[in-house]
Amino acid sequence: MPTDEKMLQENEVVMLIMGIGVFLFILLNKVHVKKINSWRILVWGYYFLLSGWFFTVLEGLFLENYLNLFEHLCYAVSAMLFTVWCWKSAQKVNEEELQ
């Protein structure tokens, strides 16, 4: 029997809590994070990933279809940013090897 009852899934809530912990770690260690090549791209990728986790938890409460769309858009943008960061980091390493 299908129900329209909204529910939170524990694994999604735990993932969000851990993600918030990493977010706080990034904020508290910004001086060190800035030493990473192309750090802004990496951090923005993480912000989009964290936003996706927020949306996945919230979709269990209301606006399921819209928040699911936003969740997956955030994951896609995050993946693209991480890909660009990996490419730029590898490019930087190759430039250093040539010197």
N, C-alpha and C. Protein backbone atom coordinates (compact mmCIF):
# COMPACT_ATOMS: atom_id res chain seq x y z
N MET A 1 0.82 -1.18 0.00
CA MET A 1 0.00 0.00 0.00
C MET A 1 0.88 1.25 0.00
N PRO A 2 0.86 2.05 -1.07
CA PRO A 2 1.69 3.26 -1.10
C PRO A 2 1.15 4.34 -0.19
N THR A 3 2.08 5.07 0.41
CA THR A 3 1.68 6.18 1.27
C THR A 3 2.36 7.45 0.78
N ASP A 4 1.77 8.59 1.12
CA ASP A 4 2.36 9.88 0.77
C ASP A 4 3.19 10.44 1.91
N GLU A 5 3.46 9.61 2.89
CA GLU A 5 4.22 10.05 4.06
C GLU A 5 5.67 10.34 3.69
N LYS A 6 6.17 11.48 4.09
CA LYS A 6 7.56 11.87 3.82
C LYS A 6 8.45 11.35 4.93
N MET A 7 9.65 10.93 4.55
CA MET A 7 10.56 10.37 5.55
C MET A 7 12.00 10.80 5.27
N LEU A 8 12.73 10.90 6.33
CA LEU A 8 14.17 11.11 6.22
C LEU A 8 14.85 9.75 6.25
N GLN A 9 15.88 9.61 5.45
CA GLN A 9 16.66 8.37 5.50
C GLN A 9 17.91 8.64 6.34
N GLU A 10 18.16 7.74 7.26
CA GLU A 10 19.24 7.94 8.22
C GLU A 10 20.59 8.10 7.54
N ASN A 11 20.86 7.29 6.52
CA ASN A 11 22.16 7.37 5.85
C ASN A 11 22.38 8.73 5.18
N GLU A 12 21.30 9.33 4.67
CA GLU A 12 21.42 10.65 4.05
C GLU A 12 21.69 11.73 5.09
N VAL A 13 21.05 11.61 6.25
CA VAL A 13 21.26 12.58 7.33
C VAL A 13 22.69 12.46 7.87
N VAL A 14 23.17 11.23 8.03
CA VAL A 14 24.55 11.01 8.51
C VAL A 14 25.55 11.59 7.51
N MET A 15 25.30 11.37 6.23
CA MET A 15 26.19 11.91 5.20
C MET A 15 26.23 13.43 5.26
N LEU A 16 25.08 14.05 5.45
CA LEU A 16 25.02 15.51 5.56
C LEU A 16 25.78 16.00 6.79
N ILE A 17 25.61 15.33 7.91
CA ILE A 17 26.31 15.72 9.14
C ILE A 17 27.83 15.62 8.94
N MET A 18 28.29 14.52 8.34
CA MET A 18 29.72 14.38 8.08
C MET A 18 30.20 15.44 7.09
N GLY A 19 29.36 15.75 6.09
CA GLY A 19 29.71 16.78 5.13
C GLY A 19 29.84 18.15 5.76
N ILE A 20 28.96 18.45 6.71
CA ILE A 20 29.04 19.72 7.43
C ILE A 20 30.33 19.76 8.25
N GLY A 21 30.73 18.61 8.80
CA GLY A 21 32.00 18.54 9.53
C GLY A 21 33.18 18.87 8.63
N VAL A 22 33.18 18.34 7.42
CA VAL A 22 34.26 18.65 6.46
C VAL A 22 34.21 20.12 6.07
N PHE A 23 33.00 20.66 5.90
CA PHE A 23 32.84 22.09 5.60
C PHE A 23 33.48 22.94 6.69
N LEU A 24 33.22 22.60 7.95
CA LEU A 24 33.82 23.34 9.07
C LEU A 24 35.34 23.19 9.07
N PHE A 25 35.82 22.00 8.74
CA PHE A 25 37.26 21.76 8.65
C PHE A 25 37.89 22.67 7.60
N ILE A 26 37.21 22.79 6.43
CA ILE A 26 37.71 23.66 5.37
C ILE A 26 37.77 25.10 5.85
N LEU A 27 36.70 25.55 6.52
CA LEU A 27 36.67 26.93 7.02
C LEU A 27 37.77 27.19 8.05
N LEU A 28 37.97 26.25 8.95
CA LEU A 28 38.97 26.43 10.01
C LEU A 28 40.40 26.32 9.50
N ASN A 29 40.59 25.69 8.35
CA ASN A 29 41.94 25.48 7.81
C ASN A 29 42.13 26.18 6.47
N LYS A 30 41.44 27.29 6.28
CA LYS A 30 41.48 27.99 5.00
C LYS A 30 42.90 28.40 4.60
N VAL A 31 43.72 28.74 5.57
CA VAL A 31 45.10 29.13 5.27
C VAL A 31 45.83 27.98 4.58
N HIS A 32 45.62 26.77 5.07
CA HIS A 32 46.28 25.59 4.48
C HIS A 32 45.62 25.19 3.17
N VAL A 33 44.30 25.32 3.10
CA VAL A 33 43.58 24.96 1.88
C VAL A 33 44.03 25.84 0.72
N LYS A 34 44.32 27.10 0.99
CA LYS A 34 44.75 28.02 -0.06
C LYS A 34 46.08 27.63 -0.69
N LYS A 35 46.82 26.74 -0.07
CA LYS A 35 48.10 26.28 -0.62
C LYS A 35 47.91 25.21 -1.70
N ILE A 36 46.72 24.67 -1.82
CA ILE A 36 46.42 23.64 -2.82
C ILE A 36 46.28 24.32 -4.19
N ASN A 37 46.85 23.69 -5.22
CA ASN A 37 46.72 24.23 -6.57
C ASN A 37 45.24 24.35 -6.94
N SER A 38 44.86 25.47 -7.51
CA SER A 38 43.48 25.73 -7.97
C SER A 38 42.47 25.43 -6.86
N TRP A 39 42.77 25.88 -5.66
CA TRP A 39 41.95 25.55 -4.49
C TRP A 39 40.52 26.06 -4.61
N ARG A 40 40.31 27.17 -5.28
CA ARG A 40 38.93 27.70 -5.39
C ARG A 40 38.02 26.73 -6.13
N ILE A 41 38.52 26.12 -7.20
CA ILE A 41 37.72 25.16 -7.96
C ILE A 41 37.40 23.96 -7.09
N LEU A 42 38.39 23.48 -6.35
CA LEU A 42 38.19 22.34 -5.46
C LEU A 42 37.14 22.64 -4.39
N VAL A 43 37.25 23.79 -3.76
CA VAL A 43 36.32 24.15 -2.69
C VAL A 43 34.91 24.37 -3.24
N TRP A 44 34.79 25.03 -4.39
CA TRP A 44 33.46 25.21 -4.99
C TRP A 44 32.85 23.86 -5.36
N GLY A 45 33.66 22.93 -5.83
CA GLY A 45 33.16 21.58 -6.10
C GLY A 45 32.59 20.95 -4.85
N TYR A 46 33.29 21.16 -3.73
CA TYR A 46 32.79 20.61 -2.47
C TYR A 46 31.50 21.31 -2.03
N TYR A 47 31.41 22.62 -2.22
CA TYR A 47 30.19 23.34 -1.84
C TYR A 47 28.98 22.82 -2.62
N PHE A 48 29.17 22.54 -3.90
CA PHE A 48 28.07 21.98 -4.69
C PHE A 48 27.72 20.57 -4.23
N LEU A 49 28.72 19.78 -3.87
CA LEU A 49 28.47 18.43 -3.35
C LEU A 49 27.68 18.51 -2.04
N LEU A 50 28.09 19.41 -1.16
CA LEU A 50 27.39 19.60 0.11
C LEU A 50 25.95 20.08 -0.13
N SER A 51 25.76 20.97 -1.09
CA SER A 51 24.41 21.43 -1.43
C SER A 51 23.55 20.26 -1.90
N GLY A 52 24.13 19.37 -2.68
CA GLY A 52 23.39 18.18 -3.12
C GLY A 52 22.95 17.33 -1.94
N TRP A 53 23.82 17.21 -0.93
CA TRP A 53 23.44 16.45 0.26
C TRP A 53 22.32 17.13 1.03
N PHE A 54 22.35 18.47 1.09
CA PHE A 54 21.25 19.21 1.71
C PHE A 54 19.94 18.93 0.98
N PHE A 55 19.99 19.02 -0.34
CA PHE A 55 18.77 18.82 -1.13
C PHE A 55 18.24 17.40 -0.98
N THR A 56 19.12 16.41 -0.89
CA THR A 56 18.65 15.03 -0.76
C THR A 56 17.94 14.80 0.57
N VAL A 57 18.40 15.48 1.62
CA VAL A 57 17.72 15.36 2.92
C VAL A 57 16.39 16.12 2.88
N LEU A 58 16.41 17.32 2.32
CA LEU A 58 15.19 18.13 2.28
C LEU A 58 14.11 17.52 1.41
N GLU A 59 14.49 16.80 0.36
CA GLU A 59 13.48 16.20 -0.52
C GLU A 59 12.65 15.14 0.21
N GLY A 60 13.17 14.63 1.30
CA GLY A 60 12.39 13.71 2.12
C GLY A 60 11.30 14.41 2.92
N LEU A 61 11.32 15.73 2.93
CA LEU A 61 10.36 16.50 3.72
C LEU A 61 9.32 17.21 2.86
N PHE A 62 9.75 17.77 1.73
CA PHE A 62 8.81 18.53 0.88
C PHE A 62 9.41 18.73 -0.51
N LEU A 63 8.60 19.12 -1.47
CA LEU A 63 9.01 19.43 -2.84
C LEU A 63 9.95 18.38 -3.42
N GLU A 64 9.56 17.13 -3.30
CA GLU A 64 10.43 16.01 -3.67
C GLU A 64 10.99 16.12 -5.09
N ASN A 65 10.14 16.39 -6.08
CA ASN A 65 10.61 16.41 -7.47
C ASN A 65 11.57 17.55 -7.74
N TYR A 66 11.27 18.74 -7.25
CA TYR A 66 12.14 19.89 -7.50
C TYR A 66 13.48 19.75 -6.79
N LEU A 67 13.43 19.34 -5.53
CA LEU A 67 14.67 19.21 -4.78
C LEU A 67 15.53 18.07 -5.31
N ASN A 68 14.89 17.02 -5.83
CA ASN A 68 15.64 15.93 -6.46
C ASN A 68 16.38 16.44 -7.70
N LEU A 69 15.71 17.30 -8.47
CA LEU A 69 16.36 17.90 -9.64
C LEU A 69 17.55 18.75 -9.21
N PHE A 70 17.35 19.61 -8.21
CA PHE A 70 18.45 20.45 -7.72
C PHE A 70 19.59 19.61 -7.17
N GLU A 71 19.24 18.53 -6.47
CA GLU A 71 20.27 17.63 -5.93
C GLU A 71 21.17 17.11 -7.04
N HIS A 72 20.55 16.60 -8.10
CA HIS A 72 21.34 15.99 -9.17
C HIS A 72 22.07 17.04 -10.01
N LEU A 73 21.51 18.22 -10.14
CA LEU A 73 22.25 19.30 -10.79
C LEU A 73 23.50 19.67 -10.00
N CYS A 74 23.36 19.73 -8.68
CA CYS A 74 24.52 20.02 -7.83
C CYS A 74 25.58 18.95 -7.95
N TYR A 75 25.16 17.68 -7.99
CA TYR A 75 26.14 16.60 -8.16
C TYR A 75 26.85 16.70 -9.50
N ALA A 76 26.12 17.07 -10.55
CA ALA A 76 26.73 17.19 -11.87
C ALA A 76 27.73 18.34 -11.91
N VAL A 77 27.36 19.49 -11.36
CA VAL A 77 28.27 20.63 -11.32
C VAL A 77 29.49 20.29 -10.48
N SER A 78 29.27 19.63 -9.36
CA SER A 78 30.37 19.23 -8.49
C SER A 78 31.34 18.31 -9.24
N ALA A 79 30.82 17.33 -9.95
CA ALA A 79 31.67 16.40 -10.70
C ALA A 79 32.47 17.14 -11.77
N MET A 80 31.83 18.08 -12.44
CA MET A 80 32.55 18.87 -13.46
C MET A 80 33.66 19.71 -12.84
N LEU A 81 33.37 20.34 -11.70
CA LEU A 81 34.39 21.14 -11.04
C LEU A 81 35.55 20.28 -10.55
N PHE A 82 35.25 19.10 -9.99
CA PHE A 82 36.32 18.21 -9.54
C PHE A 82 37.16 17.73 -10.73
N THR A 83 36.51 17.49 -11.86
CA THR A 83 37.23 17.08 -13.06
C THR A 83 38.17 18.18 -13.53
N VAL A 84 37.67 19.40 -13.56
CA VAL A 84 38.51 20.55 -13.97
C VAL A 84 39.66 20.71 -12.99
N TRP A 85 39.38 20.56 -11.69
CA TRP A 85 40.44 20.69 -10.70
C TRP A 85 41.52 19.63 -10.90
N CYS A 86 41.11 18.38 -11.14
CA CYS A 86 42.08 17.30 -11.38
C CYS A 86 42.92 17.61 -12.62
N TRP A 87 42.28 18.07 -13.67
CA TRP A 87 42.98 18.39 -14.91
C TRP A 87 43.99 19.52 -14.68
N LYS A 88 43.55 20.58 -14.01
CA LYS A 88 44.45 21.72 -13.76
C LYS A 88 45.59 21.32 -12.82
N SER A 89 45.31 20.47 -11.84
CA SER A 89 46.37 20.02 -10.93
C SER A 89 47.40 19.17 -11.65
N ALA A 90 46.93 18.28 -12.52
CA ALA A 90 47.85 17.45 -13.29
C ALA A 90 48.66 18.30 -14.25
N GLN A 91 48.05 19.31 -14.83
CA GLN A 91 48.74 20.22 -15.73
C GLN A 91 49.85 20.97 -14.99
N LYS A 92 49.56 21.40 -13.77
CA LYS A 92 50.53 22.12 -12.94
C LYS A 92 51.72 21.21 -12.61
N VAL A 93 51.45 19.93 -12.30
CA VAL A 93 52.51 18.99 -11.98
C VAL A 93 53.40 18.77 -13.21
N ASN A 94 52.77 18.65 -14.39
CA ASN A 94 53.57 18.47 -15.62
C ASN A 94 54.44 19.68 -15.89
N GLU A 95 53.94 20.88 -15.66
CA GLU A 95 54.74 22.09 -15.85
C GLU A 95 55.93 22.11 -14.91
N GLU A 96 55.73 21.66 -13.67
CA GLU A 96 56.82 21.63 -12.70
C GLU A 96 57.87 20.60 -13.07
N GLU A 97 57.45 19.48 -13.66
CA GLU A 97 58.41 18.45 -14.06
C GLU A 97 59.29 18.92 -15.22
N LEU A 98 58.75 19.77 -16.06
CA LEU A 98 59.50 20.27 -17.21
C LEU A 98 60.59 21.26 -16.82
N GLN A 99 60.47 21.85 -15.67
CA GLN A 99 61.45 22.86 -15.25
C GLN A 99 62.67 22.24 -14.63
